[in-house]
N, C-alpha and C. Protein backbone atom coordinates (compact mmCIF):
# COMPACT_ATOMS: atom_id res chain seq x y z
N MET A 1 11.76 -41.18 3.95
CA MET A 1 10.76 -40.98 2.93
C MET A 1 10.59 -42.31 2.18
N PRO A 2 9.37 -42.78 2.04
CA PRO A 2 9.14 -44.03 1.31
C PRO A 2 9.65 -43.95 -0.12
N SER A 3 10.05 -45.10 -0.65
CA SER A 3 10.67 -45.13 -1.98
C SER A 3 9.67 -44.85 -3.11
N PHE A 4 8.37 -45.02 -2.88
CA PHE A 4 7.40 -44.75 -3.94
C PHE A 4 7.15 -43.26 -4.13
N ILE A 5 7.61 -42.42 -3.19
CA ILE A 5 7.54 -40.96 -3.37
C ILE A 5 8.84 -40.54 -4.04
N ARG A 6 8.75 -40.18 -5.29
CA ARG A 6 9.93 -39.89 -6.09
C ARG A 6 10.31 -38.41 -6.06
N HIS A 7 9.40 -37.53 -5.69
CA HIS A 7 9.66 -36.09 -5.66
C HIS A 7 9.12 -35.54 -4.33
N PRO A 8 9.95 -35.58 -3.26
CA PRO A 8 9.47 -35.18 -1.93
C PRO A 8 8.96 -33.74 -1.85
N LYS A 9 9.56 -32.82 -2.60
CA LYS A 9 9.10 -31.42 -2.54
C LYS A 9 7.68 -31.30 -3.07
N ASP A 10 7.38 -31.94 -4.18
CA ASP A 10 6.01 -31.91 -4.71
C ASP A 10 5.04 -32.58 -3.74
N PHE A 11 5.48 -33.66 -3.11
CA PHE A 11 4.61 -34.38 -2.19
C PHE A 11 4.20 -33.50 -1.02
N TRP A 12 5.18 -32.89 -0.35
CA TRP A 12 4.86 -32.09 0.83
C TRP A 12 4.15 -30.78 0.47
N THR A 13 4.48 -30.20 -0.68
CA THR A 13 3.75 -29.02 -1.14
C THR A 13 2.29 -29.38 -1.40
N GLY A 14 2.07 -30.52 -2.03
CA GLY A 14 0.71 -30.99 -2.30
C GLY A 14 -0.06 -31.24 -1.01
N ILE A 15 0.59 -31.82 -0.03
CA ILE A 15 -0.06 -32.07 1.27
C ILE A 15 -0.49 -30.75 1.90
N ILE A 16 0.38 -29.75 1.88
CA ILE A 16 0.04 -28.45 2.47
C ILE A 16 -1.13 -27.81 1.74
N PHE A 17 -1.09 -27.80 0.39
CA PHE A 17 -2.18 -27.23 -0.39
C PHE A 17 -3.49 -27.97 -0.13
N LEU A 18 -3.42 -29.29 -0.08
CA LEU A 18 -4.62 -30.10 0.16
C LEU A 18 -5.19 -29.80 1.55
N PHE A 19 -4.33 -29.70 2.54
CA PHE A 19 -4.76 -29.42 3.91
C PHE A 19 -5.48 -28.07 4.00
N PHE A 20 -4.88 -27.01 3.45
CA PHE A 20 -5.50 -25.69 3.54
C PHE A 20 -6.75 -25.59 2.67
N GLY A 21 -6.72 -26.23 1.52
CA GLY A 21 -7.90 -26.22 0.65
C GLY A 21 -9.09 -26.91 1.29
N LEU A 22 -8.87 -28.10 1.83
CA LEU A 22 -9.97 -28.81 2.49
C LEU A 22 -10.40 -28.10 3.77
N GLY A 23 -9.45 -27.43 4.44
CA GLY A 23 -9.80 -26.64 5.62
C GLY A 23 -10.73 -25.49 5.27
N ALA A 24 -10.47 -24.81 4.15
CA ALA A 24 -11.33 -23.71 3.72
C ALA A 24 -12.72 -24.22 3.35
N VAL A 25 -12.78 -25.36 2.68
CA VAL A 25 -14.08 -25.94 2.33
C VAL A 25 -14.84 -26.34 3.58
N PHE A 26 -14.14 -26.93 4.54
CA PHE A 26 -14.77 -27.36 5.79
C PHE A 26 -15.32 -26.16 6.57
N ILE A 27 -14.54 -25.09 6.67
CA ILE A 27 -14.98 -23.90 7.39
C ILE A 27 -16.16 -23.25 6.68
N GLY A 28 -16.15 -23.27 5.35
CA GLY A 28 -17.22 -22.65 4.57
C GLY A 28 -18.55 -23.39 4.62
N GLN A 29 -18.57 -24.60 5.16
CA GLN A 29 -19.81 -25.38 5.23
C GLN A 29 -20.86 -24.75 6.13
N ASP A 30 -20.45 -23.95 7.07
CA ASP A 30 -21.39 -23.35 8.02
C ASP A 30 -22.15 -22.15 7.44
N TYR A 31 -21.76 -21.70 6.27
CA TYR A 31 -22.37 -20.52 5.67
C TYR A 31 -23.24 -20.89 4.47
N ALA A 32 -24.07 -19.95 4.05
CA ALA A 32 -24.93 -20.17 2.89
C ALA A 32 -24.10 -20.06 1.62
N MET A 33 -24.30 -21.00 0.69
CA MET A 33 -23.51 -21.06 -0.53
C MET A 33 -23.96 -20.02 -1.56
N GLY A 34 -25.22 -19.91 -1.82
CA GLY A 34 -25.70 -19.00 -2.85
C GLY A 34 -25.48 -19.60 -4.23
N SER A 35 -25.43 -18.74 -5.24
CA SER A 35 -25.19 -19.20 -6.61
C SER A 35 -24.12 -18.31 -7.24
N ALA A 36 -23.74 -18.64 -8.47
CA ALA A 36 -22.71 -17.85 -9.14
C ALA A 36 -23.18 -16.42 -9.38
N GLY A 37 -24.47 -16.23 -9.61
CA GLY A 37 -25.01 -14.89 -9.82
C GLY A 37 -25.24 -14.13 -8.53
N ARG A 38 -25.50 -14.84 -7.45
CA ARG A 38 -25.76 -14.21 -6.16
C ARG A 38 -25.01 -15.02 -5.09
N MET A 39 -23.73 -14.72 -4.99
CA MET A 39 -22.83 -15.50 -4.13
C MET A 39 -23.12 -15.27 -2.66
N GLY A 40 -23.13 -16.38 -1.93
CA GLY A 40 -23.26 -16.31 -0.48
C GLY A 40 -21.89 -16.27 0.16
N PRO A 41 -21.83 -16.17 1.48
CA PRO A 41 -20.54 -16.08 2.17
C PRO A 41 -19.68 -17.34 2.05
N ALA A 42 -20.27 -18.48 1.71
CA ALA A 42 -19.49 -19.71 1.58
C ALA A 42 -18.96 -19.92 0.17
N TYR A 43 -19.44 -19.14 -0.78
CA TYR A 43 -19.09 -19.39 -2.18
C TYR A 43 -17.59 -19.23 -2.43
N PHE A 44 -17.04 -18.10 -2.07
CA PHE A 44 -15.63 -17.84 -2.36
C PHE A 44 -14.70 -18.82 -1.64
N PRO A 45 -14.82 -19.02 -0.31
CA PRO A 45 -13.90 -19.97 0.33
C PRO A 45 -14.08 -21.40 -0.18
N SER A 46 -15.31 -21.77 -0.52
CA SER A 46 -15.53 -23.13 -1.01
C SER A 46 -14.90 -23.34 -2.39
N VAL A 47 -15.11 -22.40 -3.29
CA VAL A 47 -14.54 -22.53 -4.64
C VAL A 47 -13.03 -22.45 -4.58
N LEU A 48 -12.51 -21.47 -3.85
CA LEU A 48 -11.06 -21.31 -3.75
C LEU A 48 -10.43 -22.51 -3.03
N GLY A 49 -11.06 -22.98 -1.97
CA GLY A 49 -10.55 -24.15 -1.25
C GLY A 49 -10.56 -25.40 -2.11
N THR A 50 -11.60 -25.56 -2.92
CA THR A 50 -11.65 -26.72 -3.81
C THR A 50 -10.54 -26.64 -4.84
N LEU A 51 -10.32 -25.46 -5.42
CA LEU A 51 -9.23 -25.30 -6.39
C LEU A 51 -7.87 -25.56 -5.74
N LEU A 52 -7.69 -25.08 -4.54
CA LEU A 52 -6.44 -25.31 -3.82
C LEU A 52 -6.24 -26.79 -3.53
N ALA A 53 -7.31 -27.48 -3.13
CA ALA A 53 -7.22 -28.91 -2.86
C ALA A 53 -6.91 -29.70 -4.13
N VAL A 54 -7.50 -29.30 -5.25
CA VAL A 54 -7.22 -29.98 -6.52
C VAL A 54 -5.76 -29.78 -6.93
N ILE A 55 -5.25 -28.56 -6.75
CA ILE A 55 -3.84 -28.30 -7.05
C ILE A 55 -2.95 -29.15 -6.14
N GLY A 56 -3.32 -29.27 -4.88
CA GLY A 56 -2.56 -30.11 -3.96
C GLY A 56 -2.59 -31.57 -4.36
N LEU A 57 -3.75 -32.05 -4.79
CA LEU A 57 -3.87 -33.44 -5.24
C LEU A 57 -3.02 -33.69 -6.48
N ILE A 58 -3.00 -32.72 -7.39
CA ILE A 58 -2.14 -32.84 -8.58
C ILE A 58 -0.67 -32.90 -8.18
N GLY A 59 -0.28 -32.09 -7.20
CA GLY A 59 1.10 -32.12 -6.71
C GLY A 59 1.46 -33.46 -6.09
N ILE A 60 0.53 -34.02 -5.33
CA ILE A 60 0.79 -35.32 -4.71
C ILE A 60 0.94 -36.40 -5.78
N ILE A 61 0.05 -36.39 -6.77
CA ILE A 61 0.14 -37.37 -7.85
C ILE A 61 1.45 -37.21 -8.62
N ARG A 62 1.83 -35.95 -8.89
CA ARG A 62 3.11 -35.70 -9.58
C ARG A 62 4.29 -36.25 -8.80
N SER A 63 4.21 -36.23 -7.47
CA SER A 63 5.33 -36.70 -6.66
C SER A 63 5.58 -38.20 -6.82
N PHE A 64 4.57 -38.94 -7.25
CA PHE A 64 4.75 -40.37 -7.48
C PHE A 64 5.28 -40.66 -8.88
N ILE A 65 5.18 -39.70 -9.79
CA ILE A 65 5.54 -39.91 -11.20
C ILE A 65 6.90 -39.30 -11.52
N LEU A 66 7.07 -38.01 -11.21
CA LEU A 66 8.30 -37.30 -11.56
C LEU A 66 9.39 -37.54 -10.52
N VAL A 67 10.62 -37.53 -10.99
CA VAL A 67 11.76 -37.69 -10.09
C VAL A 67 12.29 -36.30 -9.76
N GLY A 68 12.56 -36.05 -8.48
CA GLY A 68 13.07 -34.75 -8.06
C GLY A 68 14.08 -34.89 -6.95
N GLU A 69 14.71 -33.79 -6.63
CA GLU A 69 15.73 -33.81 -5.59
C GLU A 69 15.09 -33.91 -4.21
N PRO A 70 15.83 -34.42 -3.25
CA PRO A 70 15.27 -34.53 -1.89
C PRO A 70 15.14 -33.16 -1.24
N ILE A 71 14.40 -33.12 -0.16
CA ILE A 71 14.22 -31.87 0.58
C ILE A 71 15.53 -31.54 1.28
N GLY A 72 15.93 -30.31 1.15
CA GLY A 72 17.20 -29.87 1.74
C GLY A 72 17.05 -29.54 3.22
N ARG A 73 18.01 -28.79 3.71
CA ARG A 73 18.06 -28.39 5.11
C ARG A 73 16.86 -27.51 5.44
N PHE A 74 16.33 -27.65 6.64
CA PHE A 74 15.24 -26.82 7.12
C PHE A 74 15.85 -25.65 7.88
N TYR A 75 15.66 -24.45 7.40
CA TYR A 75 16.29 -23.25 7.94
C TYR A 75 15.47 -22.68 9.10
N MET A 76 15.58 -23.29 10.25
CA MET A 76 14.76 -22.92 11.39
C MET A 76 15.13 -21.53 11.94
N LYS A 77 16.44 -21.25 12.09
CA LYS A 77 16.87 -19.96 12.65
C LYS A 77 16.39 -18.81 11.75
N GLU A 78 16.55 -18.96 10.46
CA GLU A 78 16.15 -17.91 9.52
C GLU A 78 14.64 -17.74 9.52
N LEU A 79 13.92 -18.84 9.59
CA LEU A 79 12.46 -18.79 9.63
C LEU A 79 11.97 -18.05 10.87
N LEU A 80 12.58 -18.33 12.01
CA LEU A 80 12.19 -17.66 13.26
C LEU A 80 12.55 -16.17 13.23
N MET A 81 13.66 -15.83 12.58
CA MET A 81 14.03 -14.41 12.48
C MET A 81 13.04 -13.64 11.63
N ILE A 82 12.59 -14.22 10.54
CA ILE A 82 11.62 -13.54 9.68
C ILE A 82 10.27 -13.44 10.40
N LEU A 83 9.88 -14.48 11.10
CA LEU A 83 8.65 -14.43 11.89
C LEU A 83 8.75 -13.35 12.97
N ALA A 84 9.90 -13.26 13.63
CA ALA A 84 10.10 -12.22 14.64
C ALA A 84 10.03 -10.83 14.02
N ALA A 85 10.58 -10.67 12.82
CA ALA A 85 10.53 -9.37 12.14
C ALA A 85 9.10 -8.96 11.86
N ILE A 86 8.28 -9.89 11.42
CA ILE A 86 6.87 -9.58 11.12
C ILE A 86 6.12 -9.24 12.40
N LEU A 87 6.36 -10.00 13.46
CA LEU A 87 5.69 -9.72 14.73
C LEU A 87 6.13 -8.37 15.30
N LEU A 88 7.42 -8.07 15.21
CA LEU A 88 7.90 -6.78 15.69
C LEU A 88 7.32 -5.63 14.87
N PHE A 89 7.14 -5.83 13.57
CA PHE A 89 6.51 -4.80 12.76
C PHE A 89 5.12 -4.48 13.29
N GLY A 90 4.35 -5.52 13.58
CA GLY A 90 3.00 -5.31 14.10
C GLY A 90 3.00 -4.63 15.46
N ILE A 91 3.95 -4.98 16.31
CA ILE A 91 4.03 -4.39 17.64
C ILE A 91 4.50 -2.93 17.56
N LEU A 92 5.48 -2.67 16.71
CA LEU A 92 6.07 -1.33 16.62
C LEU A 92 5.20 -0.31 15.89
N MET A 93 4.30 -0.78 15.04
CA MET A 93 3.48 0.15 14.25
C MET A 93 2.72 1.14 15.13
N ARG A 94 2.12 0.68 16.20
CA ARG A 94 1.30 1.54 17.03
C ARG A 94 2.14 2.49 17.88
N GLY A 95 3.18 1.98 18.51
CA GLY A 95 3.94 2.83 19.43
C GLY A 95 5.06 3.62 18.78
N ALA A 96 5.80 2.98 17.86
CA ALA A 96 6.96 3.64 17.26
C ALA A 96 6.64 4.33 15.95
N GLY A 97 5.64 3.84 15.24
CA GLY A 97 5.26 4.44 13.97
C GLY A 97 5.71 3.61 12.78
N LEU A 98 5.33 4.08 11.59
CA LEU A 98 5.58 3.35 10.36
C LEU A 98 7.06 3.25 10.02
N VAL A 99 7.80 4.33 10.13
CA VAL A 99 9.20 4.34 9.72
C VAL A 99 10.04 3.39 10.58
N PRO A 100 10.03 3.48 11.91
CA PRO A 100 10.83 2.52 12.69
C PRO A 100 10.38 1.07 12.48
N ALA A 101 9.09 0.85 12.33
CA ALA A 101 8.59 -0.52 12.12
C ALA A 101 9.13 -1.08 10.81
N ILE A 102 9.14 -0.28 9.76
CA ILE A 102 9.67 -0.75 8.47
C ILE A 102 11.18 -0.97 8.56
N LEU A 103 11.89 -0.08 9.23
CA LEU A 103 13.34 -0.26 9.37
C LEU A 103 13.67 -1.56 10.09
N VAL A 104 12.97 -1.84 11.18
CA VAL A 104 13.21 -3.10 11.92
C VAL A 104 12.85 -4.30 11.06
N LEU A 105 11.73 -4.22 10.37
CA LEU A 105 11.31 -5.32 9.50
C LEU A 105 12.35 -5.62 8.43
N ILE A 106 12.83 -4.61 7.75
CA ILE A 106 13.78 -4.81 6.65
C ILE A 106 15.12 -5.30 7.18
N PHE A 107 15.65 -4.67 8.22
CA PHE A 107 16.96 -5.07 8.74
C PHE A 107 16.94 -6.50 9.27
N LEU A 108 15.95 -6.85 10.05
CA LEU A 108 15.89 -8.19 10.63
C LEU A 108 15.64 -9.25 9.57
N SER A 109 14.77 -8.96 8.61
CA SER A 109 14.51 -9.92 7.53
C SER A 109 15.75 -10.12 6.67
N ALA A 110 16.43 -9.04 6.35
CA ALA A 110 17.64 -9.15 5.52
C ALA A 110 18.75 -9.87 6.27
N TYR A 111 18.84 -9.67 7.57
CA TYR A 111 19.88 -10.33 8.37
C TYR A 111 19.70 -11.85 8.38
N ALA A 112 18.48 -12.31 8.16
CA ALA A 112 18.22 -13.74 8.12
C ALA A 112 18.80 -14.39 6.88
N GLY A 113 19.07 -13.62 5.84
CA GLY A 113 19.59 -14.16 4.59
C GLY A 113 21.10 -14.32 4.64
N PRO A 114 21.64 -15.15 3.74
CA PRO A 114 23.09 -15.40 3.74
C PRO A 114 23.92 -14.28 3.13
N LYS A 115 23.30 -13.36 2.39
CA LYS A 115 24.04 -12.30 1.70
C LYS A 115 23.76 -10.93 2.30
N PHE A 116 23.77 -10.83 3.61
CA PHE A 116 23.49 -9.57 4.29
C PHE A 116 24.61 -8.58 4.04
N ASN A 117 24.27 -7.39 3.54
CA ASN A 117 25.22 -6.32 3.30
C ASN A 117 24.62 -5.06 3.93
N LEU A 118 25.25 -4.55 4.96
CA LEU A 118 24.70 -3.43 5.74
C LEU A 118 24.42 -2.21 4.87
N LYS A 119 25.33 -1.88 3.96
CA LYS A 119 25.14 -0.69 3.13
C LYS A 119 23.92 -0.85 2.22
N GLU A 120 23.80 -1.99 1.56
CA GLU A 120 22.66 -2.23 0.67
C GLU A 120 21.34 -2.26 1.43
N VAL A 121 21.35 -2.92 2.58
CA VAL A 121 20.12 -3.04 3.37
C VAL A 121 19.71 -1.67 3.91
N THR A 122 20.68 -0.83 4.27
CA THR A 122 20.35 0.52 4.75
C THR A 122 19.66 1.33 3.66
N PHE A 123 20.21 1.28 2.44
CA PHE A 123 19.57 1.98 1.32
C PHE A 123 18.17 1.44 1.07
N LEU A 124 18.02 0.13 1.09
CA LEU A 124 16.72 -0.49 0.86
C LEU A 124 15.73 -0.08 1.95
N ALA A 125 16.13 -0.16 3.20
CA ALA A 125 15.23 0.16 4.31
C ALA A 125 14.80 1.62 4.29
N VAL A 126 15.74 2.52 4.07
CA VAL A 126 15.40 3.94 4.03
C VAL A 126 14.50 4.23 2.83
N GLY A 127 14.83 3.66 1.69
CA GLY A 127 14.01 3.87 0.50
C GLY A 127 12.59 3.35 0.68
N LEU A 128 12.44 2.17 1.25
CA LEU A 128 11.09 1.62 1.47
C LEU A 128 10.32 2.41 2.53
N ALA A 129 11.02 2.90 3.54
CA ALA A 129 10.35 3.70 4.57
C ALA A 129 9.83 5.01 3.96
N VAL A 130 10.65 5.67 3.15
CA VAL A 130 10.22 6.90 2.49
C VAL A 130 9.05 6.60 1.55
N PHE A 131 9.17 5.54 0.76
CA PHE A 131 8.10 5.15 -0.16
C PHE A 131 6.80 4.89 0.59
N ALA A 132 6.87 4.16 1.70
CA ALA A 132 5.66 3.84 2.47
C ALA A 132 5.02 5.09 3.05
N VAL A 133 5.82 6.02 3.55
CA VAL A 133 5.27 7.25 4.11
C VAL A 133 4.61 8.07 3.01
N VAL A 134 5.26 8.19 1.87
CA VAL A 134 4.70 8.97 0.77
C VAL A 134 3.39 8.35 0.29
N VAL A 135 3.40 7.04 0.05
CA VAL A 135 2.21 6.38 -0.51
C VAL A 135 1.08 6.28 0.51
N PHE A 136 1.37 5.71 1.67
CA PHE A 136 0.29 5.39 2.61
C PHE A 136 -0.15 6.58 3.46
N VAL A 137 0.80 7.38 3.91
CA VAL A 137 0.44 8.50 4.80
C VAL A 137 0.05 9.74 4.00
N LYS A 138 0.88 10.12 3.04
CA LYS A 138 0.64 11.37 2.31
C LYS A 138 -0.41 11.21 1.20
N LEU A 139 -0.21 10.26 0.29
CA LEU A 139 -1.11 10.15 -0.86
C LEU A 139 -2.45 9.52 -0.51
N LEU A 140 -2.43 8.41 0.22
CA LEU A 140 -3.68 7.73 0.56
C LEU A 140 -4.34 8.28 1.82
N GLY A 141 -3.58 8.99 2.63
CA GLY A 141 -4.14 9.60 3.83
C GLY A 141 -4.55 8.60 4.90
N LEU A 142 -3.87 7.47 4.97
CA LEU A 142 -4.22 6.48 5.99
C LEU A 142 -3.84 7.00 7.37
N PRO A 143 -4.63 6.68 8.37
CA PRO A 143 -4.37 7.21 9.72
C PRO A 143 -3.26 6.46 10.44
N MET A 144 -2.05 6.63 9.99
CA MET A 144 -0.89 6.04 10.66
C MET A 144 0.20 7.08 10.72
N ALA A 145 0.90 7.09 11.83
CA ALA A 145 1.94 8.09 12.03
C ALA A 145 3.27 7.57 11.50
N ALA A 146 4.05 8.48 10.90
CA ALA A 146 5.39 8.10 10.45
C ALA A 146 6.24 7.78 11.66
N PHE A 147 6.13 8.58 12.71
CA PHE A 147 6.79 8.34 13.98
C PHE A 147 5.74 8.44 15.06
N GLY A 148 5.66 7.44 15.92
CA GLY A 148 4.58 7.34 16.89
C GLY A 148 4.85 8.03 18.21
N PRO A 149 3.99 7.76 19.18
CA PRO A 149 4.08 8.43 20.48
C PRO A 149 5.35 8.08 21.28
N TRP A 150 6.00 6.98 20.97
CA TRP A 150 7.23 6.65 21.66
C TRP A 150 8.33 7.66 21.36
N PHE A 151 8.22 8.36 20.26
CA PHE A 151 9.20 9.38 19.87
C PHE A 151 8.73 10.78 20.20
N GLY A 152 7.61 10.90 20.90
CA GLY A 152 7.09 12.19 21.31
C GLY A 152 6.54 13.02 20.17
N VAL A 153 6.15 12.35 19.09
CA VAL A 153 5.62 13.09 17.93
C VAL A 153 4.12 13.04 17.94
């Protein structure tokens, strides 16, 4: 890292914000902008992208002024486990249903952390599965099964 960057975390966070903000503005160029009173399809992504890019630019400028700690270890294994948990949730929702998908999501995500406790995670997973079924299936009436066709339900 060059010596003129005094706060690497702010620098890289600013770069990410700037990248996504300018990307949203660039994608929104193909649509009609409209006005504040009658917004077109490009209005929201352009305004939000501009705000995101400005926040990123502020972060980059701050990285040259403020002193901060260096970037620590990159947790690749944990990152991949959480990504796998999210992908498995999406795959399991249709075939296994909401409850098994939530259980897999919670257990795998919690296992990626350094303080995994099977008893606590079991209570959390069961509680969230019950909560999700009550809220989404029973109260809101969303068309999703608590247990899917893989379980013969």
